[in-house]
Protein backbone atom coordinates (compact mmCIF):
# COMPACT_ATOMS: atom_id res chain seq x y z
CA MET A 1 -6.64 2.95 20.40
CA LEU A 2 -8.15 1.68 17.14
CA PRO A 3 -10.76 -1.08 17.19
CA THR A 4 -9.25 -4.17 15.60
CA CYS A 5 -11.92 -4.46 12.91
CA TYR A 6 -15.39 -3.32 11.87
CA ILE A 7 -17.25 -6.39 13.15
CA SER A 8 -15.51 -8.67 15.64
CA GLY A 9 -15.89 -12.42 15.84
CA ARG A 10 -15.17 -13.16 12.20
CA HIS A 11 -12.15 -13.33 9.91
CA GLU A 12 -12.38 -9.82 8.51
CA ALA A 13 -9.57 -8.69 6.21
CA GLY A 14 -8.54 -5.06 6.12
CA CYS A 15 -7.09 -3.82 2.81
CA ASP A 16 -5.08 -0.77 1.84
CA GLU A 17 -2.64 0.28 -0.87
CA ALA A 18 0.59 2.25 -1.07
CA GLY A 19 2.22 4.07 -3.96
CA ARG A 20 -0.84 5.16 -5.87
CA GLY A 21 0.52 8.67 -6.46
CA CYS A 22 4.06 7.65 -7.40
CA LEU A 23 5.71 8.23 -10.75
CA ALA A 24 7.71 5.01 -10.55
CA GLY A 25 7.45 1.55 -9.09
CA ALA A 26 4.63 -0.88 -8.56
CA VAL A 27 1.54 -0.12 -6.55
CA TYR A 28 1.43 -2.33 -3.46
CA ALA A 29 -1.53 -3.49 -1.40
CA ALA A 30 -1.85 -5.59 1.71
CA ALA A 31 -4.63 -7.63 3.25
CA VAL A 32 -4.50 -8.35 6.97
CA ILE A 33 -6.71 -10.40 9.28
CA LEU A 34 -5.97 -9.56 12.92
CA PRO A 35 -7.08 -11.53 15.96
CA ASP A 36 -9.87 -9.78 17.87
CA ASP A 37 -7.60 -9.24 20.86
CA PHE A 38 -4.77 -7.59 18.89
CA HIS A 39 -3.78 -4.20 20.26
CA HIS A 40 -0.65 -2.11 19.92
CA PRO A 41 -0.33 1.49 21.09
CA LEU A 42 1.48 2.56 17.91
CA LEU A 43 -0.98 1.04 15.46
CA ASN A 44 -2.37 3.78 13.21
CA ASP A 45 -2.63 4.93 9.60
CA SER A 46 0.87 4.46 8.15
CA LYS A 47 0.93 8.09 7.00
CA GLN A 48 0.68 9.18 10.64
CA LEU A 49 3.73 7.14 11.66
CA THR A 50 7.43 7.72 11.23
CA GLU A 51 9.40 5.29 9.10
CA SER A 52 11.02 3.81 12.21
CA LYS A 53 7.62 3.19 13.82
CA ARG A 54 6.31 1.53 10.67
CA GLU A 55 9.36 -0.70 10.53
CA LYS A 56 8.91 -1.57 14.21
CA LEU A 57 5.28 -2.54 13.67
CA ARG A 58 5.79 -4.59 10.50
CA PRO A 59 7.31 -7.73 12.13
CA ILE A 60 4.79 -7.54 14.97
CA ILE A 61 1.86 -7.46 12.56
CA GLU A 62 3.33 -10.23 10.42
CA ALA A 63 3.97 -12.44 13.47
CA GLU A 64 0.66 -11.91 15.24
CA ALA A 65 -1.84 -11.62 12.36
CA VAL A 66 -4.18 -14.52 11.72
CA ALA A 67 -3.14 -14.07 8.08
CA TRP A 68 -1.51 -11.41 5.93
CA ALA A 69 -0.38 -11.04 2.34
CA VAL A 70 0.94 -8.37 -0.02
CA GLY A 71 -0.02 -7.96 -3.68
CA THR A 72 1.62 -5.83 -6.35
CA VAL A 73 0.80 -4.45 -9.80
CA SER A 74 3.74 -3.36 -11.97
CA ALA A 75 4.27 0.00 -13.62
CA GLN A 76 3.58 -1.60 -17.01
CA GLU A 77 0.27 -3.01 -15.79
CA ILE A 78 -0.63 0.38 -14.29
CA ASP A 79 -0.06 1.98 -17.71
CA GLU A 80 -2.35 -0.62 -19.29
CA ILE A 81 -5.29 -0.57 -16.87
CA ASN A 82 -4.91 2.79 -15.01
CA ILE A 83 -3.96 3.38 -11.40
CA LEU A 84 -7.44 2.96 -9.90
CA ASN A 85 -7.93 -0.45 -11.46
CA ALA A 86 -4.34 -1.36 -10.58
CA SER A 87 -4.85 -0.42 -6.92
CA ILE A 88 -7.94 -2.61 -6.70
CA LEU A 89 -6.17 -5.45 -8.55
CA ALA A 90 -3.28 -5.24 -6.07
CA MET A 91 -5.79 -5.62 -3.22
CA HIS A 92 -7.36 -8.64 -4.93
CA ARG A 93 -3.91 -10.18 -5.35
CA ALA A 94 -3.21 -9.59 -1.67
CA LEU A 95 -6.51 -11.27 -0.77
CA ASP A 96 -5.56 -14.16 -3.08
CA GLY A 97 -2.42 -14.65 -0.99
CA LEU A 98 -4.11 -14.98 2.39
CA ALA A 99 -3.68 -18.34 4.07
CA VAL A 100 -7.14 -17.92 5.63
CA VAL A 101 -10.17 -17.12 3.49
CA PRO A 102 -11.78 -13.96 4.92
CA GLU A 103 -15.45 -13.86 5.82
CA ALA A 104 -15.59 -10.16 5.02
CA VAL A 105 -13.35 -7.43 3.59
CA ILE A 106 -13.10 -3.78 4.57
CA VAL A 107 -11.17 -1.36 2.40
CA ASP A 108 -9.65 2.08 2.90
CA GLY A 109 -11.15 4.67 0.55
CA ASN A 110 -14.36 4.66 -1.44
CA ARG A 111 -13.66 2.41 -4.44
CA PHE A 112 -13.44 -1.37 -4.68
CA LYS A 113 -14.70 -4.21 -6.85
CA PRO A 114 -16.35 -7.42 -5.69
CA TYR A 115 -13.96 -10.15 -4.62
CA GLY A 116 -15.79 -13.39 -5.31
CA ASP A 117 -18.91 -13.55 -3.18
CA ILE A 118 -17.26 -12.22 -0.01
CA PRO A 119 -19.11 -9.21 1.47
CA TRP A 120 -17.14 -5.98 1.50
CA GLU A 121 -17.40 -2.37 2.54
CA THR A 122 -15.31 0.74 1.95
CA PHE A 123 -14.44 3.36 4.57
CA VAL A 124 -13.02 6.79 3.82
CA LYS A 125 -9.99 7.26 6.09
CA GLY A 126 -10.46 3.67 7.18
CA ASP A 127 -6.73 3.34 7.89
CA GLY A 128 -7.23 5.70 10.81
CA ARG A 129 -10.42 4.01 12.02
CA PHE A 130 -9.81 0.25 12.04
CA GLY A 131 -6.77 -1.72 13.14
CA ASN A 132 -6.86 -4.28 10.34
CA ILE A 133 -6.84 -1.55 7.66
CA ALA A 134 -4.12 0.36 9.54
CA ALA A 135 -2.06 -2.84 9.67
CA ALA A 136 -2.58 -3.32 5.92
CA SER A 137 -1.47 0.25 5.27
CA ILE A 138 1.72 -0.36 7.24
CA LEU A 139 2.57 -3.60 5.43
CA ALA A 140 1.83 -2.12 2.00
CA LYS A 141 3.96 0.92 2.74
CA THR A 142 6.93 -0.90 4.28
CA HIS A 143 7.06 -3.60 1.61
CA ARG A 144 6.89 -0.97 -1.13
CA ASP A 145 9.55 1.21 0.50
CA GLU A 146 11.80 -1.84 0.77
CA CYS A 147 11.40 -2.48 -2.96
CA MET A 148 12.15 1.15 -3.85
CA ARG A 149 15.29 1.14 -1.71
CA SER A 150 16.40 -1.97 -3.59
CA LEU A 151 15.69 -0.34 -6.98
CA HIS A 152 17.69 2.69 -5.82
CA GLU A 153 20.80 0.50 -5.88
CA LYS A 154 20.27 0.03 -9.61
CA TYR A 155 19.09 3.57 -10.40
CA PRO A 156 20.65 5.85 -7.74
CA GLN A 157 20.23 9.02 -9.80
CA TYR A 158 16.49 9.18 -9.03
CA GLY A 159 16.81 9.19 -5.24
CA TRP A 160 14.24 6.46 -4.71
CA ASN A 161 15.77 5.65 -1.32
CA VAL A 162 14.46 9.05 -0.22
CA ASN A 163 11.44 9.91 -2.38
CA LYS A 164 10.27 6.30 -2.91
CA GLY A 165 9.13 7.23 -6.41
CA TYR A 166 6.83 10.09 -5.46
CA PRO A 167 6.82 13.25 -7.63
CA THR A 168 9.29 15.37 -5.71
CA ARG A 169 11.17 18.16 -7.44
CA ALA A 170 14.40 16.15 -7.32
CA HIS A 171 12.72 13.11 -8.86
CA ARG A 172 11.20 15.15 -11.69
CA GLU A 173 14.52 16.88 -12.35
CA ALA A 174 16.24 13.47 -12.54
CA ILE A 175 13.66 12.26 -15.06
CA GLU A 176 14.26 15.38 -17.16
CA LYS A 177 18.02 14.83 -17.02
CA TYR A 178 18.31 11.03 -17.31
CA GLY A 179 15.05 10.00 -18.93
CA THR A 180 12.85 7.15 -17.72
CA THR A 181 13.49 3.60 -16.53
CA PRO A 182 11.44 0.42 -17.02
CA TYR A 183 9.94 1.20 -13.60
CA HIS A 184 8.48 4.60 -14.49
CA ARG A 185 4.76 4.90 -15.13
CA LEU A 186 4.70 6.30 -18.64
CA SER A 187 0.98 7.08 -18.50
CA PHE A 188 1.64 9.59 -15.70
CA ARG A 189 2.67 13.22 -16.29
CA LEU A 190 6.27 12.66 -15.33
CA LEU A 191 7.43 16.21 -16.03
CA ASP A 192 4.33 18.06 -14.88
CA PRO A 193 5.60 21.24 -13.18
CA GLN A 194 3.01 21.01 -10.43
CA LEU A 195 4.84 19.46 -7.49
CA THR A 196 3.41 17.58 -4.53
CA LEU A 197 4.44 17.88 -0.93
CA PHE A 198 5.80 14.33 -0.71
């Protein structure tokens, strides 16, 4: 069972992003402050959970969190400022949306930028180490997947209901056949033959 946060007894926000490696769609980030006594046996890094388990956890996290918020950065903004800066900006926007000002922030990964004067720390694989970051990873992922399923209704040829914008073979082949949409990240190598395992 994951510890709820890094240091208990304070409003500590966990942050994580989803969609950094996608060819299309916004990058999403979430910030979550959990109560110290929050525990759920399924809570883990979103990548370790099935879609059904993530969707089961989402309303529980949203109902029981002290505060939570989701921030996004569009494909056009990603092209302008690059995906690393966009991922951090999405986290800042999520923190902006919290109804409770955090006393500290912990972030999955190893890159972040100061958020006001609030102390922060990064943790590699933090989404598998701390409950508040795991919860943020789940909210970022489920909110982004929901958006991509909605965009699929408008652009069904890309299969975003299945690949969620990641660089699968089918997605790349659709780009080659149909071209790009306003939601594609034009600064990415959209037709790079090297495929991922997503």
